[in-house]
Amino acid sequence: MTTTTPLTHTTTDRWTADVLEAETPVLVELGAAWCPPCRAIQPVLQRLDEEHSGLRVLTLDTDAETEIASRYGVLSLPTLLGFRDGVEVLRLVGARPYGRLASEIEPLVGA
């Protein structure tokens, strides 16, 4: 049996340090506890976090952190935002399987 480390949660207060000033690419899942697709994508994100050492995967609770959701115009959950050097370079909406997500984040981790 494998054990997975829970994903790191970020907040509005930590956003600049965790995301905008990060030295590696960051993928942030903006979701909510009540959202079934958000819960469904958690194992996919954990696997991505474990298998891509050059990528930091974070989650943000949009119910608790409405300022970030509003700042980035998040209207659907889950929304995945990819940042490199403090700039949003990727936006994906909705849950997806690991293989599809791994290929879709290539522009984020490959450059």
PDB file of N, CA and C in Angstrom:
ATOM      1  N   MET A   1       0.843  -1.188   0.000  1.00  0.00           N
ATOM      2  CA  MET A   1       0.000   0.000   0.000  1.00  0.00           C
ATOM      3  C   MET A   1       0.882   1.242   0.000  1.00  0.00           C
ATOM      4  N   THR A   2       0.605   2.141  -0.913  1.00  0.00           N
ATOM      5  CA  THR A   2       1.384   3.370  -0.979  1.00  0.00           C
ATOM      6  C   THR A   2       0.683   4.456  -0.177  1.00  0.00           C
ATOM      7  N   THR A   3       1.464   5.315   0.401  1.00  0.00           N
ATOM      8  CA  THR A   3       0.900   6.449   1.123  1.00  0.00           C
ATOM      9  C   THR A   3       1.202   7.702   0.323  1.00  0.00           C
ATOM     10  N   THR A   4       0.224   8.565   0.252  1.00  0.00           N
ATOM     11  CA  THR A   4       0.416   9.801  -0.480  1.00  0.00           C
ATOM     12  C   THR A   4       0.413  10.964   0.503  1.00  0.00           C
ATOM     13  N   THR A   5       1.219  11.926   0.206  1.00  0.00           N
ATOM     14  CA  THR A   5       1.276  13.129   1.017  1.00  0.00           C
ATOM     15  C   THR A   5       0.162  14.063   0.571  1.00  0.00           C
ATOM     16  N   PRO A   6      -0.607  14.579   1.513  1.00  0.00           N
ATOM     17  CA  PRO A   6      -1.664  15.519   1.111  1.00  0.00           C
ATOM     18  C   PRO A   6      -1.060  16.730   0.405  1.00  0.00           C
ATOM     19  N   LEU A   7      -1.822  17.276  -0.510  1.00  0.00           N
ATOM     20  CA  LEU A   7      -1.377  18.468  -1.219  1.00  0.00           C
ATOM     21  C   LEU A   7      -1.318  19.660  -0.259  1.00  0.00           C
ATOM     22  N   THR A   8      -0.418  20.562  -0.540  1.00  0.00           N
ATOM     23  CA  THR A   8      -0.282  21.773   0.268  1.00  0.00           C
ATOM     24  C   THR A   8      -1.377  22.757  -0.116  1.00  0.00           C
ATOM     25  N   HIS A   9      -1.998  23.319   0.902  1.00  0.00           N
ATOM     26  CA  HIS A   9      -3.025  24.336   0.674  1.00  0.00           C
ATOM     27  C   HIS A   9      -2.371  25.705   0.756  1.00  0.00           C
ATOM     28  N   THR A  10      -2.789  26.598  -0.121  1.00  0.00           N
ATOM     29  CA  THR A  10      -2.323  27.976  -0.047  1.00  0.00           C
ATOM     30  C   THR A  10      -3.501  28.865   0.317  1.00  0.00           C
ATOM     31  N   THR A  11      -3.195  30.094   0.692  1.00  0.00           N
ATOM     32  CA  THR A  11      -4.212  31.057   1.103  1.00  0.00           C
ATOM     33  C   THR A  11      -3.910  32.400   0.445  1.00  0.00           C
ATOM     34  N   THR A  12      -4.819  33.313   0.618  1.00  0.00           N
ATOM     35  CA  THR A  12      -4.595  34.663   0.101  1.00  0.00           C
ATOM     36  C   THR A  12      -3.329  35.261   0.708  1.00  0.00           C
ATOM     37  N   ASP A  13      -3.141  35.043   2.005  1.00  0.00           N
ATOM     38  CA  ASP A  13      -1.963  35.582   2.684  1.00  0.00           C
ATOM     39  C   ASP A  13      -0.662  34.958   2.177  1.00  0.00           C
ATOM     40  N   ARG A  14      -0.693  33.719   1.744  1.00  0.00           N
ATOM     41  CA  ARG A  14       0.504  33.007   1.296  1.00  0.00           C
ATOM     42  C   ARG A  14       0.680  33.054  -0.226  1.00  0.00           C
ATOM     43  N   TRP A  15      -0.283  33.584  -0.950  1.00  0.00           N
ATOM     44  CA  TRP A  15      -0.312  33.526  -2.411  1.00  0.00           C
ATOM     45  C   TRP A  15       0.970  34.065  -3.052  1.00  0.00           C
ATOM     46  N   THR A  16       1.410  35.235  -2.616  1.00  0.00           N
ATOM     47  CA  THR A  16       2.599  35.837  -3.223  1.00  0.00           C
ATOM     48  C   THR A  16       3.810  34.935  -3.034  1.00  0.00           C
ATOM     49  N   ALA A  17       4.052  34.462  -1.821  1.00  0.00           N
ATOM     50  CA  ALA A  17       5.213  33.606  -1.550  1.00  0.00           C
ATOM     51  C   ALA A  17       5.076  32.237  -2.210  1.00  0.00           C
ATOM     52  N   ASP A  18       3.902  31.623  -2.100  1.00  0.00           N
ATOM     53  CA  ASP A  18       3.708  30.262  -2.609  1.00  0.00           C
ATOM     54  C   ASP A  18       3.641  30.191  -4.128  1.00  0.00           C
ATOM     55  N   VAL A  19       3.074  31.208  -4.755  1.00  0.00           N
ATOM     56  CA  VAL A  19       2.783  31.134  -6.189  1.00  0.00           C
ATOM     57  C   VAL A  19       3.590  32.152  -6.995  1.00  0.00           C
ATOM     58  N   LEU A  20       3.436  33.409  -6.673  1.00  0.00           N
ATOM     59  CA  LEU A  20       4.026  34.457  -7.508  1.00  0.00           C
ATOM     60  C   LEU A  20       5.544  34.549  -7.382  1.00  0.00           C
ATOM     61  N   GLU A  21       6.093  34.177  -6.230  1.00  0.00           N
ATOM     62  CA  GLU A  21       7.548  34.235  -6.038  1.00  0.00           C
ATOM     63  C   GLU A  21       8.204  32.861  -6.069  1.00  0.00           C
ATOM     64  N   ALA A  22       7.469  31.843  -6.462  1.00  0.00           N
ATOM     65  CA  ALA A  22       7.998  30.472  -6.491  1.00  0.00           C
ATOM     66  C   ALA A  22       9.114  30.361  -7.529  1.00  0.00           C
ATOM     67  N   GLU A  23      10.135  29.598  -7.182  1.00  0.00           N
ATOM     68  CA  GLU A  23      11.268  29.399  -8.096  1.00  0.00           C
ATOM     69  C   GLU A  23      11.012  28.306  -9.117  1.00  0.00           C
ATOM     70  N   THR A  24      10.005  27.487  -8.879  1.00  0.00           N
ATOM     71  CA  THR A  24       9.639  26.424  -9.817  1.00  0.00           C
ATOM     72  C   THR A  24       8.219  26.689 -10.311  1.00  0.00           C
ATOM     73  N   PRO A  25       7.828  26.072 -11.416  1.00  0.00           N
ATOM     74  CA  PRO A  25       6.441  26.211 -11.867  1.00  0.00           C
ATOM     75  C   PRO A  25       5.471  25.707 -10.796  1.00  0.00           C
ATOM     76  N   VAL A  26       4.309  26.344 -10.740  1.00  0.00           N
ATOM     77  CA  VAL A  26       3.290  26.009  -9.748  1.00  0.00           C
ATOM     78  C   VAL A  26       1.970  25.772 -10.466  1.00  0.00           C
ATOM     79  N   LEU A  27       1.289  24.692 -10.079  1.00  0.00           N
ATOM     80  CA  LEU A  27      -0.062  24.413 -10.548  1.00  0.00           C
ATOM     81  C   LEU A  27      -0.976  24.509  -9.339  1.00  0.00           C
ATOM     82  N   VAL A  28      -1.977  25.391  -9.409  1.00  0.00           N
ATOM     83  CA  VAL A  28      -2.894  25.595  -8.292  1.00  0.00           C
ATOM     84  C   VAL A  28      -4.289  25.138  -8.698  1.00  0.00           C
ATOM     85  N   GLU A  29      -4.854  24.269  -7.876  1.00  0.00           N
ATOM     86  CA  GLU A  29      -6.240  23.836  -8.081  1.00  0.00           C
ATOM     87  C   GLU A  29      -7.122  24.705  -7.218  1.00  0.00           C
ATOM     88  N   LEU A  30      -7.986  25.498  -7.852  1.00  0.00           N
ATOM     89  CA  LEU A  30      -8.950  26.308  -7.126  1.00  0.00           C
ATOM     90  C   LEU A  30     -10.248  25.521  -7.101  1.00  0.00           C
ATOM     91  N   GLY A  31     -10.654  25.135  -5.909  1.00  0.00           N
ATOM     92  CA  GLY A  31     -11.826  24.285  -5.774  1.00  0.00           C
ATOM     93  C   GLY A  31     -12.541  24.538  -4.463  1.00  0.00           C
ATOM     94  N   ALA A  32     -13.419  23.597  -4.105  1.00  0.00           N
ATOM     95  CA  ALA A  32     -14.193  23.703  -2.870  1.00  0.00           C
ATOM     96  C   ALA A  32     -14.519  22.295  -2.385  1.00  0.00           C
ATOM     97  N   ALA A  33     -14.695  22.164  -1.080  1.00  0.00           N
ATOM     98  CA  ALA A  33     -14.957  20.861  -0.475  1.00  0.00           C
ATOM     99  C   ALA A  33     -16.272  20.248  -0.963  1.00  0.00           C
ATOM    100  N   TRP A  34     -17.245  21.073  -1.298  1.00  0.00           N
ATOM    101  CA  TRP A  34     -18.560  20.591  -1.714  1.00  0.00           C
ATOM    102  C   TRP A  34     -18.609  20.172  -3.185  1.00  0.00           C
ATOM    103  N   CYS A  35     -17.550  20.399  -3.924  1.00  0.00           N
ATOM    104  CA  CYS A  35     -17.514  20.201  -5.375  1.00  0.00           C
ATOM    105  C   CYS A  35     -17.050  18.779  -5.722  1.00  0.00           C
ATOM    106  N   PRO A  36     -17.941  17.908  -6.239  1.00  0.00           N
ATOM    107  CA  PRO A  36     -17.535  16.534  -6.572  1.00  0.00           C
ATOM    108  C   PRO A  36     -16.374  16.444  -7.566  1.00  0.00           C
ATOM    109  N   PRO A  37     -16.337  17.230  -8.661  1.00  0.00           N
ATOM    110  CA  PRO A  37     -15.179  17.147  -9.556  1.00  0.00           C
ATOM    111  C   PRO A  37     -13.874  17.564  -8.877  1.00  0.00           C
ATOM    112  N   CYS A  38     -13.957  18.492  -7.917  1.00  0.00           N
ATOM    113  CA  CYS A  38     -12.766  18.912  -7.175  1.00  0.00           C
ATOM    114  C   CYS A  38     -12.239  17.753  -6.334  1.00  0.00           C
ATOM    115  N   ARG A  39     -13.135  17.024  -5.704  1.00  0.00           N
ATOM    116  CA  ARG A  39     -12.723  15.856  -4.920  1.00  0.00           C
ATOM    117  C   ARG A  39     -12.182  14.769  -5.837  1.00  0.00           C
ATOM    118  N   ALA A  40     -12.781  14.612  -7.003  1.00  0.00           N
ATOM    119  CA  ALA A  40     -12.358  13.562  -7.935  1.00  0.00           C
ATOM    120  C   ALA A  40     -10.963  13.803  -8.478  1.00  0.00           C
ATOM    121  N   ILE A  41     -10.562  15.054  -8.640  1.00  0.00           N
ATOM    122  CA  ILE A  41      -9.251  15.341  -9.225  1.00  0.00           C
ATOM    123  C   ILE A  41      -8.117  15.291  -8.192  1.00  0.00           C
ATOM    124  N   GLN A  42      -8.435  15.220  -6.914  1.00  0.00           N
ATOM    125  CA  GLN A  42      -7.395  15.217  -5.881  1.00  0.00           C
ATOM    126  C   GLN A  42      -6.362  14.102  -6.056  1.00  0.00           C
ATOM    127  N   PRO A  43      -6.755  12.844  -6.289  1.00  0.00           N
ATOM    128  CA  PRO A  43      -5.736  11.801  -6.501  1.00  0.00           C
ATOM    129  C   PRO A  43      -4.880  12.050  -7.736  1.00  0.00           C
ATOM    130  N   VAL A  44      -5.459  12.632  -8.764  1.00  0.00           N
ATOM    131  CA  VAL A  44      -4.714  12.961  -9.988  1.00  0.00           C
ATOM    132  C   VAL A  44      -3.661  14.013  -9.671  1.00  0.00           C
ATOM    133  N   LEU A  45      -4.051  15.023  -8.910  1.00  0.00           N
ATOM    134  CA  LEU A  45      -3.114  16.086  -8.544  1.00  0.00           C
ATOM    135  C   LEU A  45      -2.017  15.572  -7.617  1.00  0.00           C
ATOM    136  N   GLN A  46      -2.379  14.673  -6.701  1.00  0.00           N
ATOM    137  CA  GLN A  46      -1.368  14.100  -5.813  1.00  0.00           C
ATOM    138  C   GLN A  46      -0.343  13.303  -6.607  1.00  0.00           C
ATOM    139  N   ARG A  47      -0.817  12.534  -7.574  1.00  0.00           N
ATOM    140  CA  ARG A  47       0.109  11.764  -8.422  1.00  0.00           C
ATOM    141  C   ARG A  47       1.005  12.705  -9.220  1.00  0.00           C
ATOM    142  N   LEU A  48       0.425  13.745  -9.768  1.00  0.00           N
ATOM    143  CA  LEU A  48       1.189  14.735 -10.526  1.00  0.00           C
ATOM    144  C   LEU A  48       2.269  15.359  -9.644  1.00  0.00           C
ATOM    145  N   ASP A  49       1.909  15.701  -8.418  1.00  0.00           N
ATOM    146  CA  ASP A  49       2.844  16.301  -7.477  1.00  0.00           C
ATOM    147  C   ASP A  49       3.997  15.339  -7.156  1.00  0.00           C
ATOM    148  N   GLU A  50       3.684  14.070  -7.001  1.00  0.00           N
ATOM    149  CA  GLU A  50       4.695  13.063  -6.672  1.00  0.00           C
ATOM    150  C   GLU A  50       5.611  12.748  -7.852  1.00  0.00           C
ATOM    151  N   GLU A  51       5.085  12.771  -9.055  1.00  0.00           N
ATOM    152  CA  GLU A  51       5.836  12.328 -10.222  1.00  0.00           C
ATOM    153  C   GLU A  51       6.542  13.449 -10.994  1.00  0.00           C
ATOM    154  N   HIS A  52       6.262  14.697 -10.674  1.00  0.00           N
ATOM    155  CA  HIS A  52       6.899  15.827 -11.364  1.00  0.00           C
ATOM    156  C   HIS A  52       7.654  16.655 -10.329  1.00  0.00           C
ATOM    157  N   SER A  53       8.917  16.325 -10.131  1.00  0.00           N
ATOM    158  CA  SER A  53       9.706  16.991  -9.092  1.00  0.00           C
ATOM    159  C   SER A  53       9.926  18.475  -9.388  1.00  0.00           C
ATOM    160  N   GLY A  54       9.845  18.889 -10.622  1.00  0.00           N
ATOM    161  CA  GLY A  54      10.055  20.293 -10.972  1.00  0.00           C
ATOM    162  C   GLY A  54       8.787  21.109 -10.953  1.00  0.00           C
ATOM    163  N   LEU A  55       7.716  20.566 -10.375  1.00  0.00           N
ATOM    164  CA  LEU A  55       6.426  21.243 -10.336  1.00  0.00           C
ATOM    165  C   LEU A  55       5.887  21.201  -8.918  1.00  0.00           C
ATOM    166  N   ARG A  56       5.380  22.321  -8.442  1.00  0.00           N
ATOM    167  CA  ARG A  56       4.730  22.360  -7.133  1.00  0.00           C
ATOM    168  C   ARG A  56       3.233  22.428  -7.373  1.00  0.00           C
ATOM    169  N   VAL A  57       2.497  21.521  -6.740  1.00  0.00           N
ATOM    170  CA  VAL A  57       1.040  21.482  -6.886  1.00  0.00           C
ATOM    171  C   VAL A  57       0.414  21.934  -5.566  1.00  0.00           C
ATOM    172  N   LEU A  58      -0.455  22.930  -5.650  1.00  0.00           N
ATOM    173  CA  LEU A  58      -1.128  23.489  -4.485  1.00  0.00           C
ATOM    174  C   LEU A  58      -2.633  23.467  -4.689  1.00  0.00           C
ATOM    175  N   THR A  59      -3.375  23.587  -3.596  1.00  0.00           N
ATOM    176  CA  THR A  59      -4.822  23.740  -3.680  1.00  0.00           C
ATOM    177  C   THR A  59      -5.211  25.025  -2.967  1.00  0.00           C
ATOM    178  N   LEU A  60      -6.342  25.581  -3.370  1.00  0.00           N
ATOM    179  CA  LEU A  60      -6.875  26.770  -2.736  1.00  0.00           C
ATOM    180  C   LEU A  60      -8.379  26.592  -2.611  1.00  0.00           C
ATOM    181  N   ASP A  61      -8.913  26.778  -1.417  1.00  0.00           N
ATOM    182  CA  ASP A  61     -10.352  26.666  -1.151  1.00  0.00           C
ATOM    183  C   ASP A  61     -11.012  27.991  -1.525  1.00  0.00           C
ATOM    184  N   THR A  62     -11.775  27.984  -2.597  1.00  0.00           N
ATOM    185  CA  THR A  62     -12.371  29.235  -3.081  1.00  0.00           C
ATOM    186  C   THR A  62     -13.455  29.766  -2.147  1.00  0.00           C
ATOM    187  N   ASP A  63     -14.042  28.911  -1.322  1.00  0.00           N
ATOM    188  CA  ASP A  63     -15.021  29.396  -0.347  1.00  0.00           C
ATOM    189  C   ASP A  63     -14.333  30.233   0.730  1.00  0.00           C
ATOM    190  N   ALA A  64     -13.157  29.803   1.145  1.00  0.00           N
ATOM    191  CA  ALA A  64     -12.414  30.514   2.189  1.00  0.00           C
ATOM    192  C   ALA A  64     -11.585  31.663   1.618  1.00  0.00           C
ATOM    193  N   GLU A  65     -11.183  31.549   0.371  1.00  0.00           N
ATOM    194  CA  GLU A  65     -10.263  32.524  -0.251  1.00  0.00           C
ATOM    195  C   GLU A  65     -10.927  33.167  -1.468  1.00  0.00           C
ATOM    196  N   THR A  66     -12.008  33.868  -1.234  1.00  0.00           N
ATOM    197  CA  THR A  66     -12.778  34.455  -2.342  1.00  0.00           C
ATOM    198  C   THR A  66     -11.996  35.514  -3.103  1.00  0.00           C
ATOM    199  N   GLU A  67     -11.060  36.191  -2.437  1.00  0.00           N
ATOM    200  CA  GLU A  67     -10.297  37.253  -3.098  1.00  0.00           C
ATOM    201  C   GLU A  67      -9.489  36.711  -4.275  1.00  0.00           C
ATOM    202  N   ILE A  68      -8.834  35.578  -4.091  1.00  0.00           N
ATOM    203  CA  ILE A  68      -8.023  34.992  -5.172  1.00  0.00           C
ATOM    204  C   ILE A  68      -8.928  34.544  -6.315  1.00  0.00           C
ATOM    205  N   ALA A  69     -10.029  33.873  -5.984  1.00  0.00           N
ATOM    206  CA  ALA A  69     -10.957  33.421  -7.029  1.00  0.00           C
ATOM    207  C   ALA A  69     -11.479  34.603  -7.838  1.00  0.00           C
ATOM    208  N   SER A  70     -11.791  35.687  -7.165  1.00  0.00           N
ATOM    209  CA  SER A  70     -12.274  36.882  -7.846  1.00  0.00           C
ATOM    210  C   SER A  70     -11.175  37.535  -8.679  1.00  0.00           C
ATOM    211  N   ARG A  71      -9.976  37.628  -8.116  1.00  0.00           N
ATOM    212  CA  ARG A  71      -8.848  38.263  -8.811  1.00  0.00           C
ATOM    213  C   ARG A  71      -8.553  37.580 -10.140  1.00  0.00           C
ATOM    214  N   TYR A  72      -8.679  36.252 -10.172  1.00  0.00           N
ATOM    215  CA  TYR A  72      -8.361  35.497 -11.382  1.00  0.00           C
ATOM    216  C   TYR A  72      -9.599  35.117 -12.199  1.00  0.00           C
ATOM    217  N   GLY A  73     -10.746  35.653 -11.838  1.00  0.00           N
ATOM    218  CA  GLY A  73     -11.957  35.435 -12.629  1.00  0.00           C
ATOM    219  C   GLY A  73     -12.400  33.987 -12.690  1.00  0.00           C
ATOM    220  N   VAL A  74     -12.257  33.283 -11.592  1.00  0.00           N
ATOM    221  CA  VAL A  74     -12.635  31.867 -11.558  1.00  0.00           C
ATOM    222  C   VAL A  74     -14.150  31.765 -11.414  1.00  0.00           C
ATOM    223  N   LEU A  75     -14.781  31.138 -12.410  1.00  0.00           N
ATOM    224  CA  LEU A  75     -16.233  31.001 -12.424  1.00  0.00           C
ATOM    225  C   LEU A  75     -16.685  29.549 -12.338  1.00  0.00           C
ATOM    226  N   SER A  76     -15.797  28.612 -12.622  1.00  0.00           N
ATOM    227  CA  SER A  76     -16.125  27.186 -12.596  1.00  0.00           C
ATOM    228  C   SER A  76     -15.087  26.451 -11.763  1.00  0.00           C
ATOM    229  N   LEU A  77     -15.534  25.378 -11.134  1.00  0.00           N
ATOM    230  CA  LEU A  77     -14.647  24.576 -10.296  1.00  0.00           C
ATOM    231  C   LEU A  77     -14.589  23.139 -10.789  1.00  0.00           C
ATOM    232  N   PRO A  78     -13.442  22.522 -10.710  1.00  0.00           N
ATOM    233  CA  PRO A  78     -12.168  23.105 -10.348  1.00  0.00           C
ATOM    234  C   PRO A  78     -11.577  23.886 -11.527  1.00  0.00           C
ATOM    235  N   THR A  79     -10.836  24.925 -11.193  1.00  0.00           N
ATOM    236  CA  THR A  79     -10.024  25.639 -12.177  1.00  0.00           C
ATOM    237  C   THR A  79      -8.569  25.424 -11.792  1.00  0.00           C
ATOM    238  N   LEU A  80      -7.760  25.028 -12.748  1.00  0.00           N
ATOM    239  CA  LEU A  80      -6.331  24.811 -12.524  1.00  0.00           C
ATOM    240  C   LEU A  80      -5.573  25.955 -13.178  1.00  0.00           C
ATOM    241  N   LEU A  81      -4.777  26.649 -12.378  1.00  0.00           N
ATOM    242  CA  LEU A  81      -3.968  27.757 -12.880  1.00  0.00           C
ATOM    243  C   LEU A  81      -2.504  27.375 -12.790  1.00  0.00           C
ATOM    244  N   GLY A  82      -1.790  27.528 -13.887  1.00  0.00           N
ATOM    245  CA  GLY A  82      -0.361  27.244 -13.916  1.00  0.00           C
ATOM    246  C   GLY A  82       0.423  28.539 -13.973  1.00  0.00           C
ATOM    247  N   PHE A  83       1.428  28.662 -13.104  1.00  0.00           N
ATOM    248  CA  PHE A  83       2.248  29.867 -13.023  1.00  0.00           C
ATOM    249  C   PHE A  83       3.714  29.519 -13.211  1.00  0.00           C
ATOM    250  N   ARG A  84       4.405  30.349 -13.965  1.00  0.00           N
ATOM    251  CA  ARG A  84       5.861  30.272 -14.100  1.00  0.00           C
ATOM    252  C   ARG A  84       6.394  31.684 -13.944  1.00  0.00           C
ATOM    253  N   ASP A  85       7.350  31.856 -13.045  1.00  0.00           N
ATOM    254  CA  ASP A  85       7.934  33.174 -12.773  1.00  0.00           C
ATOM    255  C   ASP A  85       6.870  34.208 -12.423  1.00  0.00           C
ATOM    256  N   GLY A  86       5.848  33.781 -11.679  1.00  0.00           N
ATOM    257  CA  GLY A  86       4.814  34.693 -11.219  1.00  0.00           C
ATOM    258  C   GLY A  86       3.768  35.077 -12.232  1.00  0.00           C
ATOM    259  N   VAL A  87       3.822  34.467 -13.413  1.00  0.00           N
ATOM    260  CA  VAL A  87       2.889  34.794 -14.491  1.00  0.00           C
ATOM    261  C   VAL A  87       2.013  33.579 -14.788  1.00  0.00           C
ATOM    262  N   GLU A  88       0.713  33.813 -14.916  1.00  0.00           N
ATOM    263  CA  GLU A  88      -0.196  32.739 -15.288  1.00  0.00           C
ATOM    264  C   GLU A  88       0.083  32.351 -16.739  1.00  0.00           C
ATOM    265  N   VAL A  89       0.441  31.083 -16.969  1.00  0.00           N
ATOM    266  CA  VAL A  89       0.740  30.604 -18.311  1.00  0.00           C
ATOM    267  C   VAL A  89      -0.185  29.471 -18.748  1.00  0.00           C
ATOM    268  N   LEU A  90      -1.052  29.029 -17.838  1.00  0.00           N
ATOM    269  CA  LEU A  90      -1.934  27.903 -18.149  1.00  0.00           C
ATOM    270  C   LEU A  90      -3.206  28.029 -17.337  1.00  0.00           C
ATOM    271  N   ARG A  91      -4.343  27.754 -17.983  1.00  0.00           N
ATOM    272  CA  ARG A  91      -5.635  27.736 -17.298  1.00  0.00           C
ATOM    273  C   ARG A  91      -6.445  26.575 -17.859  1.00  0.00           C
ATOM    274  N   LEU A  92      -6.849  25.696 -16.974  1.00  0.00           N
ATOM    275  CA  LEU A  92      -7.667  24.546 -17.348  1.00  0.00           C
ATOM    276  C   LEU A  92      -8.895  24.521 -16.444  1.00  0.00           C
ATOM    277  N   VAL A  93     -10.039  24.184 -16.991  1.00  0.00           N
ATOM    278  CA  VAL A  93     -11.264  24.141 -16.204  1.00  0.00           C
ATOM    279  C   VAL A  93     -11.832  22.735 -16.264  1.00  0.00           C
ATOM    280  N   GLY A  94     -12.130  22.182 -15.091  1.00  0.00           N
ATOM    281  CA  GLY A  94     -12.757  20.871 -14.992  1.00  0.00           C
ATOM    282  C   GLY A  94     -11.774  19.770 -14.643  1.00  0.00           C
ATOM    283  N   ALA A  95     -12.331  18.713 -14.068  1.00  0.00           N
ATOM    284  CA  ALA A  95     -11.531  17.545 -13.713  1.00  0.00           C
ATOM    285  C   ALA A  95     -11.175  16.778 -14.975  1.00  0.00           C
ATOM    286  N   ARG A  96     -10.063  16.052 -14.920  1.00  0.00           N
ATOM    287  CA  ARG A  96      -9.622  15.246 -16.057  1.00  0.00           C
ATOM    288  C   ARG A  96      -8.736  14.131 -15.525  1.00  0.00           C
ATOM    289  N   PRO A  97      -8.577  13.065 -16.314  1.00  0.00           N
ATOM    290  CA  PRO A  97      -7.716  11.955 -15.888  1.00  0.00           C
ATOM    291  C   PRO A  97      -6.241  12.338 -15.931  1.00  0.00           C
ATOM    292  N   TYR A  98      -5.428  11.541 -15.256  1.00  0.00           N
ATOM    293  CA  TYR A  98      -4.005  11.827 -15.126  1.00  0.00           C
ATOM    294  C   TYR A  98      -3.314  12.009 -16.478  1.00  0.00           C
ATOM    295  N   GLY A  99      -3.496  11.092 -17.406  1.00  0.00           N
ATOM    296  CA  GLY A  99      -2.797  11.159 -18.688  1.00  0.00           C
ATOM    297  C   GLY A  99      -3.074  12.445 -19.443  1.00  0.00           C
ATOM    298  N   ARG A 100      -4.320  12.840 -19.441  1.00  0.00           N
ATOM    299  CA  ARG A 100      -4.690  14.078 -20.140  1.00  0.00           C
ATOM    300  C   ARG A 100      -4.073  15.292 -19.444  1.00  0.00           C
ATOM    301  N   LEU A 101      -4.170  15.343 -18.113  1.00  0.00           N
ATOM    302  CA  LEU A 101      -3.616  16.481 -17.384  1.00  0.00           C
ATOM    303  C   LEU A 101      -2.097  16.541 -17.524  1.00  0.00           C
ATOM    304  N   ALA A 102      -1.438  15.392 -17.467  1.00  0.00           N
ATOM    305  CA  ALA A 102       0.024  15.362 -17.598  1.00  0.00           C
ATOM    306  C   ALA A 102       0.455  15.938 -18.946  1.00  0.00           C
ATOM    307  N   SER A 103      -0.294  15.640 -20.000  1.00  0.00           N
ATOM    308  CA  SER A 103       0.081  16.183 -21.309  1.00  0.00           C
ATOM    309  C   SER A 103      -0.282  17.663 -21.409  1.00  0.00           C
ATOM    310  N   GLU A 104      -1.369  18.084 -20.771  1.00  0.00           N
ATOM    311  CA  GLU A 104      -1.783  19.484 -20.843  1.00  0.00           C
ATOM    312  C   GLU A 104      -0.861  20.419 -20.060  1.00  0.00           C
ATOM    313  N   ILE A 105      -0.153  19.907 -19.069  1.00  0.00           N
ATOM    314  CA  ILE A 105       0.753  20.777 -18.300  1.00  0.00           C
ATOM    315  C   ILE A 105       2.152  20.854 -18.901  1.00  0.00           C
ATOM    316  N   GLU A 106       2.400  20.164 -19.985  1.00  0.00           N
ATOM    317  CA  GLU A 106       3.720  20.211 -20.615  1.00  0.00           C
ATOM    318  C   GLU A 106       4.202  21.636 -20.888  1.00  0.00           C
ATOM    319  N   PRO A 107       3.338  22.553 -21.377  1.00  0.00           N
ATOM    320  CA  PRO A 107       3.819  23.924 -21.582  1.00  0.00           C
ATOM    321  C   PRO A 107       4.297  24.571 -20.274  1.00  0.00           C
ATOM    322  N   LEU A 108       3.752  24.138 -19.163  1.00  0.00           N
ATOM    323  CA  LEU A 108       4.115  24.702 -17.858  1.00  0.00           C
ATOM    324  C   LEU A 108       5.453  24.133 -17.372  1.00  0.00           C
ATOM    325  N   VAL A 109       5.622  22.839 -17.477  1.00  0.00           N
ATOM    326  CA  VAL A 109       6.829  22.204 -16.923  1.00  0.00           C
ATOM    327  C   VAL A 109       7.933  22.014 -17.956  1.00  0.00           C
ATOM    328  N   GLY A 110       7.584  22.049 -19.240  1.00  0.00           N
ATOM    329  CA  GLY A 110       8.547  21.743 -20.271  1.00  0.00           C
ATOM    330  C   GLY A 110       9.403  22.913 -20.727  1.00  0.00           C
ATOM    331  N   ALA A 111       8.982  24.119 -20.453  1.00  0.00           N
ATOM    332  CA  ALA A 111       9.741  25.279 -20.954  1.00  0.00           C
ATOM    333  C   ALA A 111      10.756  25.782 -19.965  1.00  0.00           C
TER     334      ALA A 111
END
